[in-house]
Structure formats: C-alpha cells, structure tokens
C-alpha cells in the first residue's frame, strides 16, 4: 500500500505545481505578452556584452 500512497502524493504535488504555473501565467499575462513581443522584435545579432560603455573608457 505504500507505493499507492506515494503515487497519490506525487500526483497531488504535480497538480499543485501545474495549478501554480497556470495561476502565474494568468496573473501576469499582460506583462508576459509585452516581454515576449519585445523579445520577438529584438535584434538577435546584437550582443550587449560587445558594446562599450562610458565606464569602459575610464
């Protein structure tokens, strides 16, 4: 009977994680949509690490 209880517990944990993920997705949908849109519009060839800043000139 121990194996059945472990399976039930795993399913409950998995369900709770799935519900939490869904709740976060729904709560932050406008913010996530803006971020995904911005990422899609960004230039994939630009590397921010290659850009020189004013601090690098000192």
PDB file of N, CA and C in Angstrom:
ATOM      1  N   UNK A   1       0.815  -1.206   0.000  1.00  0.00           N
ATOM      2  CA  UNK A   1       0.000   0.000   0.000  1.00  0.00           C
ATOM      3  C   UNK A   1       0.860   1.272   0.000  1.00  0.00           C
ATOM      4  N   UNK A   2       2.106   1.182   0.373  1.00  0.00           N
ATOM      5  CA  UNK A   2       2.972   2.356   0.418  1.00  0.00           C
ATOM      6  C   UNK A   2       3.193   2.949  -0.952  1.00  0.00           C
ATOM      7  N   UNK A   3       3.297   2.095  -1.957  1.00  0.00           N
ATOM      8  CA  UNK A   3       3.533   2.581  -3.312  1.00  0.00           C
ATOM      9  C   UNK A   3       2.342   3.391  -3.832  1.00  0.00           C
ATOM     10  N   UNK A   4       1.132   2.968  -3.490  1.00  0.00           N
ATOM     11  CA  UNK A   4      -0.067   3.690  -3.917  1.00  0.00           C
ATOM     12  C   UNK A   4      -0.127   5.074  -3.274  1.00  0.00           C
ATOM     13  N   UNK A   5       0.255   5.160  -2.013  1.00  0.00           N
ATOM     14  CA  UNK A   5       0.260   6.456  -1.329  1.00  0.00           C
ATOM     15  C   UNK A   5       1.306   7.381  -1.927  1.00  0.00           C
ATOM     16  N   UNK A   6       2.455   6.836  -2.286  1.00  0.00           N
ATOM     17  CA  UNK A   6       3.499   7.646  -2.914  1.00  0.00           C
ATOM     18  C   UNK A   6       3.034   8.175  -4.266  1.00  0.00           C
ATOM     19  N   UNK A   7       2.329   7.356  -5.010  1.00  0.00           N
ATOM     20  CA  UNK A   7       1.815   7.775  -6.315  1.00  0.00           C
ATOM     21  C   UNK A   7       0.787   8.883  -6.151  1.00  0.00           C
ATOM     22  N   UNK A   8      -0.090   8.738  -5.178  1.00  0.00           N
ATOM     23  CA  UNK A   8      -1.095   9.777  -4.922  1.00  0.00           C
ATOM     24  C   UNK A   8      -0.424  11.089  -4.529  1.00  0.00           C
ATOM     25  N   UNK A   9       0.589  10.989  -3.679  1.00  0.00           N
ATOM     26  CA  UNK A   9       1.297  12.189  -3.240  1.00  0.00           C
ATOM     27  C   UNK A   9       1.998  12.861  -4.419  1.00  0.00           C
ATOM     28  N   UNK A  10       2.599  12.089  -5.280  1.00  0.00           N
ATOM     29  CA  UNK A  10       3.266  12.655  -6.459  1.00  0.00           C
ATOM     30  C   UNK A  10       2.264  13.339  -7.376  1.00  0.00           C
ATOM     31  N   UNK A  11       1.101  12.741  -7.552  1.00  0.00           N
ATOM     32  CA  UNK A  11       0.074  13.355  -8.388  1.00  0.00           C
ATOM     33  C   UNK A  11      -0.445  14.651  -7.783  1.00  0.00           C
ATOM     34  N   UNK A  12      -0.593  14.683  -6.476  1.00  0.00           N
ATOM     35  CA  UNK A  12      -1.042  15.905  -5.807  1.00  0.00           C
ATOM     36  C   UNK A  12       0.000  17.014  -5.974  1.00  0.00           C
ATOM     37  N   UNK A  13       1.265  16.677  -5.805  1.00  0.00           N
ATOM     38  CA  UNK A  13       2.332  17.673  -5.958  1.00  0.00           C
ATOM     39  C   UNK A  13       2.383  18.173  -7.398  1.00  0.00           C
ATOM     40  N   UNK A  14       2.290  17.253  -8.350  1.00  0.00           N
ATOM     41  CA  UNK A  14       2.307  17.643  -9.755  1.00  0.00           C
ATOM     42  C   UNK A  14       1.115  18.549 -10.087  1.00  0.00           C
ATOM     43  N   UNK A  15      -0.045  18.210  -9.577  1.00  0.00           N
ATOM     44  CA  UNK A  15      -1.239  19.027  -9.795  1.00  0.00           C
ATOM     45  C   UNK A  15      -1.094  20.415  -9.190  1.00  0.00           C
ATOM     46  N   UNK A  16      -0.512  20.489  -7.998  1.00  0.00           N
ATOM     47  CA  UNK A  16      -0.313  21.790  -7.351  1.00  0.00           C
ATOM     48  C   UNK A  16       0.671  22.649  -8.144  1.00  0.00           C
ATOM     49  N   UNK A  17       1.732  22.045  -8.649  1.00  0.00           N
ATOM     50  CA  UNK A  17       2.692  22.784  -9.461  1.00  0.00           C
ATOM     51  C   UNK A  17       2.059  23.279 -10.761  1.00  0.00           C
ATOM     52  N   UNK A  18       1.266  22.435 -11.390  1.00  0.00           N
ATOM     53  CA  UNK A  18       0.593  22.822 -12.631  1.00  0.00           C
ATOM     54  C   UNK A  18      -0.392  23.961 -12.365  1.00  0.00           C
ATOM     55  N   UNK A  19      -1.132  23.882 -11.277  1.00  0.00           N
ATOM     56  CA  UNK A  19      -2.083  24.934 -10.929  1.00  0.00           C
ATOM     57  C   UNK A  19      -1.354  26.245 -10.632  1.00  0.00           C
ATOM     58  N   UNK A  20      -0.245  26.169  -9.927  1.00  0.00           N
ATOM     59  CA  UNK A  20       0.539  27.372  -9.620  1.00  0.00           C
ATOM     60  C   UNK A  20       1.077  28.023 -10.878  1.00  0.00           C
ATOM     61  N   UNK A  21       1.592  27.207 -11.805  1.00  0.00           N
ATOM     62  CA  UNK A  21       2.107  27.733 -13.065  1.00  0.00           C
ATOM     63  C   UNK A  21       0.991  28.428 -13.847  1.00  0.00           C
ATOM     64  N   UNK A  22      -0.170  27.791 -13.899  1.00  0.00           N
ATOM     65  CA  UNK A  22      -1.310  28.366 -14.613  1.00  0.00           C
ATOM     66  C   UNK A  22      -1.753  29.679 -13.972  1.00  0.00           C
ATOM     67  N   UNK A  23      -1.771  29.725 -12.661  1.00  0.00           N
ATOM     68  CA  UNK A  23      -2.170  30.944 -11.956  1.00  0.00           C
ATOM     69  C   UNK A  23      -1.199  32.086 -12.249  1.00  0.00           C
ATOM     70  N   UNK A  24       0.089  31.791 -12.285  1.00  0.00           N
ATOM     71  CA  UNK A  24       1.086  32.819 -12.582  1.00  0.00           C
ATOM     72  C   UNK A  24       0.940  33.286 -14.024  1.00  0.00           C
ATOM     73  N   UNK A  25       0.752  32.350 -14.937  1.00  0.00           N
ATOM     74  CA  UNK A  25       0.564  32.713 -16.349  1.00  0.00           C
ATOM     75  C   UNK A  25      -0.649  33.634 -16.517  1.00  0.00           C
ATOM     76  N   UNK A  26      -1.741  33.327 -15.867  1.00  0.00           N
ATOM     77  CA  UNK A  26      -2.945  34.144 -15.992  1.00  0.00           C
ATOM     78  C   UNK A  26      -2.786  35.493 -15.305  1.00  0.00           C
ATOM     79  N   UNK A  27      -2.132  35.517 -14.155  1.00  0.00           N
ATOM     80  CA  UNK A  27      -1.991  36.762 -13.401  1.00  0.00           C
ATOM     81  C   UNK A  27      -1.068  37.748 -14.112  1.00  0.00           C
ATOM     82  N   UNK A  28      -0.010  37.235 -14.735  1.00  0.00           N
ATOM     83  CA  UNK A  28       0.986  38.105 -15.359  1.00  0.00           C
ATOM     84  C   UNK A  28       0.902  38.095 -16.881  1.00  0.00           C
ATOM     85  N   UNK A  29      -0.236  37.705 -17.429  1.00  0.00           N
ATOM     86  CA  UNK A  29      -0.373  37.608 -18.885  1.00  0.00           C
ATOM     87  C   UNK A  29      -0.025  38.908 -19.613  1.00  0.00           C
ATOM     88  N   UNK A  30      -0.536  40.079 -19.187  1.00  0.00           N
ATOM     89  CA  UNK A  30      -0.180  41.304 -19.928  1.00  0.00           C
ATOM     90  C   UNK A  30       1.327  41.574 -19.919  1.00  0.00           C
ATOM     91  N   UNK A  31       1.956  41.385 -18.778  1.00  0.00           N
ATOM     92  CA  UNK A  31       3.394  41.617 -18.672  1.00  0.00           C
ATOM     93  C   UNK A  31       4.171  40.603 -19.513  1.00  0.00           C
ATOM     94  N   UNK A  32       3.773  39.353 -19.455  1.00  0.00           N
ATOM     95  CA  UNK A  32       4.464  38.318 -20.229  1.00  0.00           C
ATOM     96  C   UNK A  32       4.271  38.525 -21.723  1.00  0.00           C
ATOM     97  N   UNK A  33       3.093  38.961 -22.137  1.00  0.00           N
ATOM     98  CA  UNK A  33       2.857  39.228 -23.557  1.00  0.00           C
ATOM     99  C   UNK A  33       3.752  40.354 -24.060  1.00  0.00           C
ATOM    100  N   UNK A  34       3.895  41.413 -23.254  1.00  0.00           N
ATOM    101  CA  UNK A  34       4.769  42.525 -23.634  1.00  0.00           C
ATOM    102  C   UNK A  34       6.219  42.063 -23.723  1.00  0.00           C
ATOM    103  N   UNK A  35       6.641  41.254 -22.766  1.00  0.00           N
ATOM    104  CA  UNK A  35       8.023  40.771 -22.772  1.00  0.00           C
ATOM    105  C   UNK A  35       8.279  39.859 -23.972  1.00  0.00           C
ATOM    106  N   UNK A  36       7.329  38.996 -24.277  1.00  0.00           N
ATOM    107  CA  UNK A  36       7.506  38.098 -25.422  1.00  0.00           C
ATOM    108  C   UNK A  36       7.512  38.869 -26.730  1.00  0.00           C
ATOM    109  N   UNK A  37       6.686  39.900 -26.833  1.00  0.00           N
ATOM    110  CA  UNK A  37       6.660  40.731 -28.029  1.00  0.00           C
ATOM    111  C   UNK A  37       7.984  41.471 -28.188  1.00  0.00           C
ATOM    112  N   UNK A  38       8.490  42.014 -27.090  1.00  0.00           N
ATOM    113  CA  UNK A  38       9.762  42.730 -27.139  1.00  0.00           C
ATOM    114  C   UNK A  38      10.897  41.796 -27.531  1.00  0.00           C
ATOM    115  N   UNK A  39      10.875  40.583 -27.031  1.00  0.00           N
ATOM    116  CA  UNK A  39      11.918  39.619 -27.383  1.00  0.00           C
ATOM    117  C   UNK A  39      11.835  39.248 -28.855  1.00  0.00           C
ATOM    118  N   UNK A  40      10.648  39.147 -29.391  1.00  0.00           N
ATOM    119  CA  UNK A  40      10.478  38.801 -30.798  1.00  0.00           C
ATOM    120  C   UNK A  40      10.953  39.932 -31.715  1.00  0.00           C
ATOM    121  N   UNK A  41      10.822  41.177 -31.244  1.00  0.00           N
ATOM    122  CA  UNK A  41      11.225  42.325 -32.048  1.00  0.00           C
ATOM    123  C   UNK A  41      12.712  42.634 -31.921  1.00  0.00           C
ATOM    124  N   UNK A  42      13.378  42.049 -30.957  1.00  0.00           N
ATOM    125  CA  UNK A  42      14.770  42.395 -30.703  1.00  0.00           C
ATOM    126  C   UNK A  42      15.677  41.873 -31.816  1.00  0.00           C
ATOM    127  N   UNK A  43      16.843  42.453 -31.896  1.00  0.00           N
ATOM    128  CA  UNK A  43      17.824  42.079 -32.905  1.00  0.00           C
ATOM    129  C   UNK A  43      18.670  40.930 -32.353  1.00  0.00           C
ATOM    130  N   UNK A  44      18.561  39.739 -32.907  1.00  0.00           N
ATOM    131  CA  UNK A  44      19.305  38.601 -32.363  1.00  0.00           C
ATOM    132  C   UNK A  44      20.806  38.675 -32.626  1.00  0.00           C
ATOM    133  N   UNK A  45      21.222  39.551 -33.536  1.00  0.00           N
ATOM    134  CA  UNK A  45      22.651  39.639 -33.828  1.00  0.00           C
ATOM    135  C   UNK A  45      23.374  40.597 -32.888  1.00  0.00           C
ATOM    136  N   UNK A  46      22.638  41.406 -32.143  1.00  0.00           N
ATOM    137  CA  UNK A  46      23.253  42.367 -31.218  1.00  0.00           C
ATOM    138  C   UNK A  46      23.608  41.680 -29.918  1.00  0.00           C
ATOM    139  N   UNK A  47      24.858  41.865 -29.489  1.00  0.00           N
ATOM    140  CA  UNK A  47      25.317  41.291 -28.225  1.00  0.00           C
ATOM    141  C   UNK A  47      25.647  42.435 -27.273  1.00  0.00           C
ATOM    142  N   UNK A  48      24.880  42.598 -26.181  1.00  0.00           N
ATOM    143  CA  UNK A  48      25.133  43.716 -25.260  1.00  0.00           C
ATOM    144  C   UNK A  48      26.523  43.657 -24.625  1.00  0.00           C
ATOM    145  N   UNK A  49      27.120  42.476 -24.557  1.00  0.00           N
ATOM    146  CA  UNK A  49      28.452  42.364 -23.969  1.00  0.00           C
ATOM    147  C   UNK A  49      29.523  42.971 -24.865  1.00  0.00           C
ATOM    148  N   UNK A  50      29.250  43.103 -26.150  1.00  0.00           N
ATOM    149  CA  UNK A  50      30.227  43.663 -27.073  1.00  0.00           C
ATOM    150  C   UNK A  50      30.209  45.182 -27.112  1.00  0.00           C
ATOM    151  N   UNK A  51      29.175  45.801 -26.585  1.00  0.00           N
ATOM    152  CA  UNK A  51      29.058  47.252 -26.618  1.00  0.00           C
ATOM    153  C   UNK A  51      29.944  47.872 -25.560  1.00  0.00           C
ATOM    154  N   UNK A  52      30.630  48.966 -25.943  1.00  0.00           N
ATOM    155  CA  UNK A  52      31.464  49.689 -24.992  1.00  0.00           C
ATOM    156  C   UNK A  52      30.617  50.744 -24.284  1.00  0.00           C
ATOM    157  N   UNK A  53      30.864  50.920 -23.012  1.00  0.00           N
ATOM    158  CA  UNK A  53      30.133  51.911 -22.232  1.00  0.00           C
ATOM    159  C   UNK A  53      31.088  53.009 -21.781  1.00  0.00           C
ATOM    160  N   UNK A  54      30.550  54.063 -21.179  1.00  0.00           N
ATOM    161  CA  UNK A  54      31.372  55.151 -20.680  1.00  0.00           C
ATOM    162  C   UNK A  54      32.305  54.669 -19.570  1.00  0.00           C
ATOM    163  N   UNK A  55      31.880  53.684 -18.791  1.00  0.00           N
ATOM    164  CA  UNK A  55      32.708  53.158 -17.712  1.00  0.00           C
ATOM    165  C   UNK A  55      33.920  52.423 -18.271  1.00  0.00           C
ATOM    166  N   UNK A  56      33.788  51.842 -19.467  1.00  0.00           N
ATOM    167  CA  UNK A  56      34.906  51.125 -20.075  1.00  0.00           C
ATOM    168  C   UNK A  56      35.990  52.086 -20.561  1.00  0.00           C
ATOM    169  N   UNK A  57      35.629  53.329 -20.845  1.00  0.00           N
ATOM    170  CA  UNK A  57      36.576  54.294 -21.387  1.00  0.00           C
ATOM    171  C   UNK A  57      37.502  54.857 -20.334  1.00  0.00           C
ATOM    172  N   UNK A  58      37.162  54.744 -19.076  1.00  0.00           N
ATOM    173  CA  UNK A  58      37.962  55.340 -17.987  1.00  0.00           C
ATOM    174  C   UNK A  58      39.219  54.551 -17.722  1.00  0.00           C
TER     175      UNK A  58
END
